[in-house]
Amino acid sequence: MLFSSEYVSLAVAYVAYMFYLAGVRHPRLSHFLLHVADFMSGIFPQYLDRTFMLWTNTYPLTPIAGFLGATLLLVALSGLLTTREDR
């Protein structure tokens, strides 16, 4: 085991989130919808009708697929790591 403290996961999650925020705010990546909070807030007008605050006819399938893919990748990686630690 590399680290044995119970606070290691909190520290790793915090550092990873800081790198995530720095990555999605990078100027070269600004034209992609990478920040989950921006996407979920509805600030992108191509997906939200601001008059009625409802979804428009153009659904954001590409960002949703990207977020789902990232989630499945993280779940698979965590499953592999915990399986390896249980042996």
PDB file of N, CA and C in Angstrom:
ATOM      1  N   MET A   1       0.845  -1.166   0.000  1.00  0.00           N
ATOM      2  CA  MET A   1       0.000   0.000   0.000  1.00  0.00           C
ATOM      3  C   MET A   1       0.895   1.234   0.000  1.00  0.00           C
ATOM      4  N   LEU A   2       0.566   2.189  -0.846  1.00  0.00           N
ATOM      5  CA  LEU A   2       1.400   3.375  -0.996  1.00  0.00           C
ATOM      6  C   LEU A   2       1.209   4.350   0.160  1.00  0.00           C
ATOM      7  N   PHE A   3      -0.032   4.678   0.472  1.00  0.00           N
ATOM      8  CA  PHE A   3      -0.355   5.565   1.594  1.00  0.00           C
ATOM      9  C   PHE A   3      -1.372   4.871   2.484  1.00  0.00           C
ATOM     10  N   SER A   4      -1.272   5.080   3.778  1.00  0.00           N
ATOM     11  CA  SER A   4      -2.172   4.360   4.680  1.00  0.00           C
ATOM     12  C   SER A   4      -3.132   5.266   5.430  1.00  0.00           C
ATOM     13  N   SER A   5      -3.068   6.546   5.237  1.00  0.00           N
ATOM     14  CA  SER A   5      -3.945   7.460   5.951  1.00  0.00           C
ATOM     15  C   SER A   5      -5.344   7.459   5.335  1.00  0.00           C
ATOM     16  N   GLU A   6      -6.342   7.730   6.159  1.00  0.00           N
ATOM     17  CA  GLU A   6      -7.711   7.776   5.652  1.00  0.00           C
ATOM     18  C   GLU A   6      -8.012   9.081   4.924  1.00  0.00           C
ATOM     19  N   TYR A   7      -7.119  10.053   5.005  1.00  0.00           N
ATOM     20  CA  TYR A   7      -7.325  11.331   4.344  1.00  0.00           C
ATOM     21  C   TYR A   7      -6.670  11.412   2.973  1.00  0.00           C
ATOM     22  N   VAL A   8      -6.054  10.343   2.530  1.00  0.00           N
ATOM     23  CA  VAL A   8      -5.384  10.350   1.232  1.00  0.00           C
ATOM     24  C   VAL A   8      -6.403  10.516   0.104  1.00  0.00           C
ATOM     25  N   SER A   9      -7.533   9.853   0.204  1.00  0.00           N
ATOM     26  CA  SER A   9      -8.541   9.963  -0.859  1.00  0.00           C
ATOM     27  C   SER A   9      -9.079  11.385  -0.962  1.00  0.00           C
ATOM     28  N   LEU A  10      -9.231  12.054   0.165  1.00  0.00           N
ATOM     29  CA  LEU A  10      -9.682  13.441   0.150  1.00  0.00           C
ATOM     30  C   LEU A  10      -8.640  14.336  -0.515  1.00  0.00           C
ATOM     31  N   ALA A  11      -7.394  14.138  -0.194  1.00  0.00           N
ATOM     32  CA  ALA A  11      -6.325  14.944  -0.790  1.00  0.00           C
ATOM     33  C   ALA A  11      -6.212  14.688  -2.293  1.00  0.00           C
ATOM     34  N   VAL A  12      -6.302  13.440  -2.709  1.00  0.00           N
ATOM     35  CA  VAL A  12      -6.220  13.104  -4.134  1.00  0.00           C
ATOM     36  C   VAL A  12      -7.411  13.691  -4.885  1.00  0.00           C
ATOM     37  N   ALA A  13      -8.605  13.608  -4.307  1.00  0.00           N
ATOM     38  CA  ALA A  13      -9.792  14.167  -4.953  1.00  0.00           C
ATOM     39  C   ALA A  13      -9.678  15.677  -5.077  1.00  0.00           C
ATOM     40  N   TYR A  14      -9.167  16.342  -4.062  1.00  0.00           N
ATOM     41  CA  TYR A  14      -9.015  17.796  -4.104  1.00  0.00           C
ATOM     42  C   TYR A  14      -8.007  18.210  -5.163  1.00  0.00           C
ATOM     43  N   VAL A  15      -6.878  17.548  -5.210  1.00  0.00           N
ATOM     44  CA  VAL A  15      -5.852  17.878  -6.203  1.00  0.00           C
ATOM     45  C   VAL A  15      -6.359  17.578  -7.613  1.00  0.00           C
ATOM     46  N   ALA A  16      -7.050  16.465  -7.785  1.00  0.00           N
ATOM     47  CA  ALA A  16      -7.596  16.118  -9.099  1.00  0.00           C
ATOM     48  C   ALA A  16      -8.634  17.149  -9.544  1.00  0.00           C
ATOM     49  N   TYR A  17      -9.439  17.634  -8.632  1.00  0.00           N
ATOM     50  CA  TYR A  17     -10.442  18.643  -8.973  1.00  0.00           C
ATOM     51  C   TYR A  17      -9.778  19.955  -9.369  1.00  0.00           C
ATOM     52  N   MET A  18      -8.694  20.313  -8.719  1.00  0.00           N
ATOM     53  CA  MET A  18      -7.973  21.526  -9.091  1.00  0.00           C
ATOM     54  C   MET A  18      -7.393  21.411 -10.506  1.00  0.00           C
ATOM     55  N   PHE A  19      -6.846  20.237 -10.837  1.00  0.00           N
ATOM     56  CA  PHE A  19      -6.345  20.024 -12.193  1.00  0.00           C
ATOM     57  C   PHE A  19      -7.486  20.030 -13.210  1.00  0.00           C
ATOM     58  N   TYR A  20      -8.627  19.484 -12.832  1.00  0.00           N
ATOM     59  CA  TYR A  20      -9.806  19.494 -13.698  1.00  0.00           C
ATOM     60  C   TYR A  20     -10.244  20.928 -13.988  1.00  0.00           C
ATOM     61  N   LEU A  21     -10.331  21.758 -12.944  1.00  0.00           N
ATOM     62  CA  LEU A  21     -10.738  23.149 -13.139  1.00  0.00           C
ATOM     63  C   LEU A  21      -9.740  23.914 -13.995  1.00  0.00           C
ATOM     64  N   ALA A  22      -8.459  23.673 -13.782  1.00  0.00           N
ATOM     65  CA  ALA A  22      -7.443  24.336 -14.596  1.00  0.00           C
ATOM     66  C   ALA A  22      -7.518  23.865 -16.048  1.00  0.00           C
ATOM     67  N   GLY A  23      -7.805  22.606 -16.252  1.00  0.00           N
ATOM     68  CA  GLY A  23      -7.887  22.064 -17.606  1.00  0.00           C
ATOM     69  C   GLY A  23      -9.074  22.583 -18.386  1.00  0.00           C
ATOM     70  N   VAL A  24     -10.255  22.630 -17.757  1.00  0.00           N
ATOM     71  CA  VAL A  24     -11.446  23.053 -18.496  1.00  0.00           C
ATOM     72  C   VAL A  24     -11.478  24.553 -18.727  1.00  0.00           C
ATOM     73  N   ARG A  25     -10.723  25.317 -17.970  1.00  0.00           N
ATOM     74  CA  ARG A  25     -10.667  26.769 -18.170  1.00  0.00           C
ATOM     75  C   ARG A  25      -9.495  27.195 -19.048  1.00  0.00           C
ATOM     76  N   HIS A  26      -8.754  26.246 -19.565  1.00  0.00           N
ATOM     77  CA  HIS A  26      -7.615  26.571 -20.428  1.00  0.00           C
ATOM     78  C   HIS A  26      -8.138  27.203 -21.715  1.00  0.00           C
ATOM     79  N   PRO A  27      -7.480  28.254 -22.209  1.00  0.00           N
ATOM     80  CA  PRO A  27      -7.985  28.949 -23.414  1.00  0.00           C
ATOM     81  C   PRO A  27      -8.113  28.059 -24.652  1.00  0.00           C
ATOM     82  N   ARG A  28      -7.246  27.079 -24.810  1.00  0.00           N
ATOM     83  CA  ARG A  28      -7.336  26.211 -25.995  1.00  0.00           C
ATOM     84  C   ARG A  28      -8.524  25.250 -25.921  1.00  0.00           C
ATOM     85  N   LEU A  29      -9.041  25.005 -24.719  1.00  0.00           N
ATOM     86  CA  LEU A  29     -10.179  24.097 -24.559  1.00  0.00           C
ATOM     87  C   LEU A  29     -11.483  24.833 -24.289  1.00  0.00           C
ATOM     88  N   SER A  30     -11.474  26.153 -24.380  1.00  0.00           N
ATOM     89  CA  SER A  30     -12.651  26.934 -23.986  1.00  0.00           C
ATOM     90  C   SER A  30     -13.840  26.744 -24.929  1.00  0.00           C
ATOM     91  N   HIS A  31     -13.628  26.334 -26.161  1.00  0.00           N
ATOM     92  CA  HIS A  31     -14.753  26.157 -27.079  1.00  0.00           C
ATOM     93  C   HIS A  31     -15.441  24.802 -26.924  1.00  0.00           C
ATOM     94  N   PHE A  32     -14.893  23.933 -26.084  1.00  0.00           N
ATOM     95  CA  PHE A  32     -15.546  22.666 -25.761  1.00  0.00           C
ATOM     96  C   PHE A  32     -16.359  22.824 -24.480  1.00  0.00           C
ATOM     97  N   LEU A  33     -17.430  22.070 -24.362  1.00  0.00           N
ATOM     98  CA  LEU A  33     -18.258  22.117 -23.155  1.00  0.00           C
ATOM     99  C   LEU A  33     -17.738  21.079 -22.160  1.00  0.00           C
ATOM    100  N   LEU A  34     -16.696  21.447 -21.434  1.00  0.00           N
ATOM    101  CA  LEU A  34     -16.056  20.473 -20.558  1.00  0.00           C
ATOM    102  C   LEU A  34     -16.393  20.643 -19.086  1.00  0.00           C
ATOM    103  N   HIS A  35     -16.840  21.807 -18.678  1.00  0.00           N
ATOM    104  CA  HIS A  35     -17.116  22.027 -17.265  1.00  0.00           C
ATOM    105  C   HIS A  35     -18.543  21.586 -16.961  1.00  0.00           C
ATOM    106  N   VAL A  36     -18.682  20.641 -16.080  1.00  0.00           N
ATOM    107  CA  VAL A  36     -19.989  20.063 -15.776  1.00  0.00           C
ATOM    108  C   VAL A  36     -20.917  21.116 -15.172  1.00  0.00           C
ATOM    109  N   ALA A  37     -20.408  21.987 -14.322  1.00  0.00           N
ATOM    110  CA  ALA A  37     -21.253  23.000 -13.689  1.00  0.00           C
ATOM    111  C   ALA A  37     -21.807  23.981 -14.715  1.00  0.00           C
ATOM    112  N   ASP A  38     -21.013  24.371 -15.691  1.00  0.00           N
ATOM    113  CA  ASP A  38     -21.509  25.257 -16.744  1.00  0.00           C
ATOM    114  C   ASP A  38     -22.577  24.577 -17.580  1.00  0.00           C
ATOM    115  N   PHE A  39     -22.379  23.318 -17.864  1.00  0.00           N
ATOM    116  CA  PHE A  39     -23.353  22.574 -18.669  1.00  0.00           C
ATOM    117  C   PHE A  39     -24.679  22.408 -17.917  1.00  0.00           C
ATOM    118  N   MET A  40     -24.599  22.023 -16.652  1.00  0.00           N
ATOM    119  CA  MET A  40     -25.815  21.761 -15.881  1.00  0.00           C
ATOM    120  C   MET A  40     -26.562  23.034 -15.509  1.00  0.00           C
ATOM    121  N   SER A  41     -25.877  24.173 -15.466  1.00  0.00           N
ATOM    122  CA  SER A  41     -26.555  25.420 -15.108  1.00  0.00           C
ATOM    123  C   SER A  41     -27.395  25.961 -16.263  1.00  0.00           C
ATOM    124  N   GLY A  42     -27.121  25.513 -17.475  1.00  0.00           N
ATOM    125  CA  GLY A  42     -27.892  25.961 -18.624  1.00  0.00           C
ATOM    126  C   GLY A  42     -27.443  27.296 -19.169  1.00  0.00           C
ATOM    127  N   ILE A  43     -26.188  27.679 -18.938  1.00  0.00           N
ATOM    128  CA  ILE A  43     -25.745  28.982 -19.430  1.00  0.00           C
ATOM    129  C   ILE A  43     -25.439  28.964 -20.919  1.00  0.00           C
ATOM    130  N   PHE A  44     -25.414  27.807 -21.526  1.00  0.00           N
ATOM    131  CA  PHE A  44     -25.160  27.745 -22.955  1.00  0.00           C
ATOM    132  C   PHE A  44     -26.488  27.867 -23.690  1.00  0.00           C
ATOM    133  N   PRO A  45     -26.693  28.962 -24.438  1.00  0.00           N
ATOM    134  CA  PRO A  45     -28.014  29.244 -25.003  1.00  0.00           C
ATOM    135  C   PRO A  45     -28.447  28.286 -26.097  1.00  0.00           C
ATOM    136  N   GLN A  46     -27.552  27.513 -26.683  1.00  0.00           N
ATOM    137  CA  GLN A  46     -27.994  26.621 -27.743  1.00  0.00           C
ATOM    138  C   GLN A  46     -28.790  25.424 -27.205  1.00  0.00           C
ATOM    139  N   TYR A  47     -28.756  25.202 -25.903  1.00  0.00           N
ATOM    140  CA  TYR A  47     -29.485  24.086 -25.323  1.00  0.00           C
ATOM    141  C   TYR A  47     -30.672  24.520 -24.473  1.00  0.00           C
ATOM    142  N   LEU A  48     -30.735  25.780 -24.105  1.00  0.00           N
ATOM    143  CA  LEU A  48     -31.759  26.240 -23.176  1.00  0.00           C
ATOM    144  C   LEU A  48     -32.530  27.409 -23.775  1.00  0.00           C
ATOM    145  N   ASP A  49     -33.845  27.302 -23.754  1.00  0.00           N
ATOM    146  CA  ASP A  49     -34.696  28.409 -24.150  1.00  0.00           C
ATOM    147  C   ASP A  49     -34.860  29.305 -22.926  1.00  0.00           C
ATOM    148  N   ARG A  50     -34.216  30.457 -22.942  1.00  0.00           N
ATOM    149  CA  ARG A  50     -34.212  31.324 -21.768  1.00  0.00           C
ATOM    150  C   ARG A  50     -35.564  31.990 -21.506  1.00  0.00           C
ATOM    151  N   THR A  51     -36.455  31.995 -22.478  1.00  0.00           N
ATOM    152  CA  THR A  51     -37.773  32.574 -22.254  1.00  0.00           C
ATOM    153  C   THR A  51     -38.588  31.722 -21.297  1.00  0.00           C
ATOM    154  N   PHE A  52     -38.596  30.408 -21.538  1.00  0.00           N
ATOM    155  CA  PHE A  52     -39.379  29.497 -20.723  1.00  0.00           C
ATOM    156  C   PHE A  52     -38.523  28.649 -19.787  1.00  0.00           C
ATOM    157  N   MET A  53     -37.191  28.795 -19.918  1.00  0.00           N
ATOM    158  CA  MET A  53     -36.242  27.991 -19.130  1.00  0.00           C
ATOM    159  C   MET A  53     -36.493  26.496 -19.308  1.00  0.00           C
ATOM    160  N   LEU A  54     -36.646  26.089 -20.566  1.00  0.00           N
ATOM    161  CA  LEU A  54     -36.839  24.685 -20.919  1.00  0.00           C
ATOM    162  C   LEU A  54     -35.802  24.301 -21.967  1.00  0.00           C
ATOM    163  N   TRP A  55     -35.547  22.998 -22.097  1.00  0.00           N
ATOM    164  CA  TRP A  55     -34.638  22.511 -23.129  1.00  0.00           C
ATOM    165  C   TRP A  55     -35.220  22.801 -24.494  1.00  0.00           C
ATOM    166  N   THR A  56     -34.371  23.121 -25.451  1.00  0.00           N
ATOM    167  CA  THR A  56     -34.810  23.348 -26.825  1.00  0.00           C
ATOM    168  C   THR A  56     -34.864  22.011 -27.562  1.00  0.00           C
ATOM    169  N   ASN A  57     -35.094  22.073 -28.869  1.00  0.00           N
ATOM    170  CA  ASN A  57     -35.171  20.847 -29.670  1.00  0.00           C
ATOM    171  C   ASN A  57     -33.809  20.223 -29.909  1.00  0.00           C
ATOM    172  N   THR A  58     -32.752  20.977 -29.761  1.00  0.00           N
ATOM    173  CA  THR A  58     -31.408  20.431 -29.963  1.00  0.00           C
ATOM    174  C   THR A  58     -30.868  19.940 -28.630  1.00  0.00           C
ATOM    175  N   TYR A  59     -30.853  18.647 -28.451  1.00  0.00           N
ATOM    176  CA  TYR A  59     -30.378  18.071 -27.198  1.00  0.00           C
ATOM    177  C   TYR A  59     -28.856  17.965 -27.203  1.00  0.00           C
ATOM    178  N   PRO A  60     -28.227  18.186 -26.081  1.00  0.00           N
ATOM    179  CA  PRO A  60     -26.761  18.148 -26.008  1.00  0.00           C
ATOM    180  C   PRO A  60     -26.244  16.720 -25.858  1.00  0.00           C
ATOM    181  N   LEU A  61     -26.397  15.916 -26.878  1.00  0.00           N
ATOM    182  CA  LEU A  61     -26.016  14.517 -26.777  1.00  0.00           C
ATOM    183  C   LEU A  61     -24.501  14.312 -26.709  1.00  0.00           C
ATOM    184  N   THR A  62     -23.735  15.138 -27.382  1.00  0.00           N
ATOM    185  CA  THR A  62     -22.282  14.974 -27.352  1.00  0.00           C
ATOM    186  C   THR A  62     -21.697  15.220 -25.959  1.00  0.00           C
ATOM    187  N   PRO A  63     -22.035  16.324 -25.277  1.00  0.00           N
ATOM    188  CA  PRO A  63     -21.511  16.475 -23.917  1.00  0.00           C
ATOM    189  C   PRO A  63     -22.017  15.412 -22.956  1.00  0.00           C
ATOM    190  N   ILE A  64     -23.266  15.017 -23.087  1.00  0.00           N
ATOM    191  CA  ILE A  64     -23.800  13.978 -22.204  1.00  0.00           C
ATOM    192  C   ILE A  64     -23.058  12.671 -22.426  1.00  0.00           C
ATOM    193  N   ALA A  65     -22.788  12.327 -23.674  1.00  0.00           N
ATOM    194  CA  ALA A  65     -22.029  11.107 -23.967  1.00  0.00           C
ATOM    195  C   ALA A  65     -20.606  11.208 -23.422  1.00  0.00           C
ATOM    196  N   GLY A  66     -20.002  12.383 -23.520  1.00  0.00           N
ATOM    197  CA  GLY A  66     -18.656  12.575 -22.975  1.00  0.00           C
ATOM    198  C   GLY A  66     -18.619  12.433 -21.469  1.00  0.00           C
ATOM    199  N   PHE A  67     -19.595  13.038 -20.776  1.00  0.00           N
ATOM    200  CA  PHE A  67     -19.654  12.921 -19.323  1.00  0.00           C
ATOM    201  C   PHE A  67     -19.925  11.480 -18.894  1.00  0.00           C
ATOM    202  N   LEU A  68     -20.781  10.791 -19.630  1.00  0.00           N
ATOM    203  CA  LEU A  68     -21.067   9.387 -19.329  1.00  0.00           C
ATOM    204  C   LEU A  68     -19.828   8.525 -19.552  1.00  0.00           C
ATOM    205  N   GLY A  69     -19.109   8.774 -20.639  1.00  0.00           N
ATOM    206  CA  GLY A  69     -17.882   8.025 -20.907  1.00  0.00           C
ATOM    207  C   GLY A  69     -16.822   8.247 -19.831  1.00  0.00           C
ATOM    208  N   ALA A  70     -16.658   9.498 -19.395  1.00  0.00           N
ATOM    209  CA  ALA A  70     -15.696   9.788 -18.327  1.00  0.00           C
ATOM    210  C   ALA A  70     -16.099   9.107 -17.026  1.00  0.00           C
ATOM    211  N   THR A  71     -17.389   9.095 -16.739  1.00  0.00           N
ATOM    212  CA  THR A  71     -17.872   8.431 -15.526  1.00  0.00           C
ATOM    213  C   THR A  71     -17.613   6.929 -15.584  1.00  0.00           C
ATOM    214  N   LEU A  72     -17.910   6.308 -16.717  1.00  0.00           N
ATOM    215  CA  LEU A  72     -17.675   4.866 -16.848  1.00  0.00           C
ATOM    216  C   LEU A  72     -16.188   4.537 -16.758  1.00  0.00           C
ATOM    217  N   LEU A  73     -15.350   5.393 -17.316  1.00  0.00           N
ATOM    218  CA  LEU A  73     -13.906   5.182 -17.220  1.00  0.00           C
ATOM    219  C   LEU A  73     -13.431   5.264 -15.773  1.00  0.00           C
ATOM    220  N   LEU A  74     -13.900   6.254 -15.024  1.00  0.00           N
ATOM    221  CA  LEU A  74     -13.502   6.380 -13.622  1.00  0.00           C
ATOM    222  C   LEU A  74     -14.013   5.223 -12.769  1.00  0.00           C
ATOM    223  N   VAL A  75     -15.219   4.767 -13.028  1.00  0.00           N
ATOM    224  CA  VAL A  75     -15.763   3.628 -12.279  1.00  0.00           C
ATOM    225  C   VAL A  75     -14.973   2.365 -12.596  1.00  0.00           C
ATOM    226  N   ALA A  76     -14.631   2.165 -13.859  1.00  0.00           N
ATOM    227  CA  ALA A  76     -13.846   0.982 -14.234  1.00  0.00           C
ATOM    228  C   ALA A  76     -12.451   1.020 -13.614  1.00  0.00           C
ATOM    229  N   LEU A  77     -11.814   2.184 -13.643  1.00  0.00           N
ATOM    230  CA  LEU A  77     -10.486   2.303 -13.028  1.00  0.00           C
ATOM    231  C   LEU A  77     -10.530   2.071 -11.521  1.00  0.00           C
ATOM    232  N   SER A  78     -11.527   2.618 -10.866  1.00  0.00           N
ATOM    233  CA  SER A  78     -11.627   2.408  -9.420  1.00  0.00           C
ATOM    234  C   SER A  78     -11.944   0.957  -9.099  1.00  0.00           C
ATOM    235  N   GLY A  79     -12.725   0.313  -9.935  1.00  0.00           N
ATOM    236  CA  GLY A  79     -12.997  -1.108  -9.736  1.00  0.00           C
ATOM    237  C   GLY A  79     -11.746  -1.956  -9.883  1.00  0.00           C
ATOM    238  N   LEU A  80     -10.929  -1.643 -10.879  1.00  0.00           N
ATOM    239  CA  LEU A  80      -9.671  -2.375 -11.058  1.00  0.00           C
ATOM    240  C   LEU A  80      -8.714  -2.154  -9.896  1.00  0.00           C
ATOM    241  N   LEU A  81      -8.632  -0.917  -9.432  1.00  0.00           N
ATOM    242  CA  LEU A  81      -7.724  -0.629  -8.316  1.00  0.00           C
ATOM    243  C   LEU A  81      -8.168  -1.283  -7.017  1.00  0.00           C
ATOM    244  N   THR A  82      -9.478  -1.280  -6.735  1.00  0.00           N
ATOM    245  CA  THR A  82      -9.938  -1.900  -5.499  1.00  0.00           C
ATOM    246  C   THR A  82      -9.860  -3.424  -5.580  1.00  0.00           C
ATOM    247  N   THR A  83     -10.061  -3.989  -6.759  1.00  0.00           N
ATOM    248  CA  THR A  83      -9.918  -5.434  -6.909  1.00  0.00           C
ATOM    249  C   THR A  83      -8.468  -5.849  -6.682  1.00  0.00           C
ATOM    250  N   ARG A  84      -7.550  -5.059  -7.188  1.00  0.00           N
ATOM    251  CA  ARG A  84      -6.140  -5.357  -7.004  1.00  0.00           C
ATOM    252  C   ARG A  84      -5.733  -5.234  -5.527  1.00  0.00           C
ATOM    253  N   GLU A  85      -6.345  -4.291  -4.796  1.00  0.00           N
ATOM    254  CA  GLU A  85      -6.022  -4.111  -3.383  1.00  0.00           C
ATOM    255  C   GLU A  85      -6.639  -5.215  -2.512  1.00  0.00           C
ATOM    256  N   ASP A  86      -7.735  -5.810  -2.942  1.00  0.00           N
ATOM    257  CA  ASP A  86      -8.401  -6.846  -2.155  1.00  0.00           C
ATOM    258  C   ASP A  86      -7.698  -8.183  -2.198  1.00  0.00           C
ATOM    259  N   ARG A  87      -6.819  -8.402  -3.118  1.00  0.00           N
ATOM    260  CA  ARG A  87      -6.158  -9.707  -3.239  1.00  0.00           C
ATOM    261  C   ARG A  87      -5.123  -9.920  -2.194  1.00  0.00           C
TER     262      ARG A  87
END
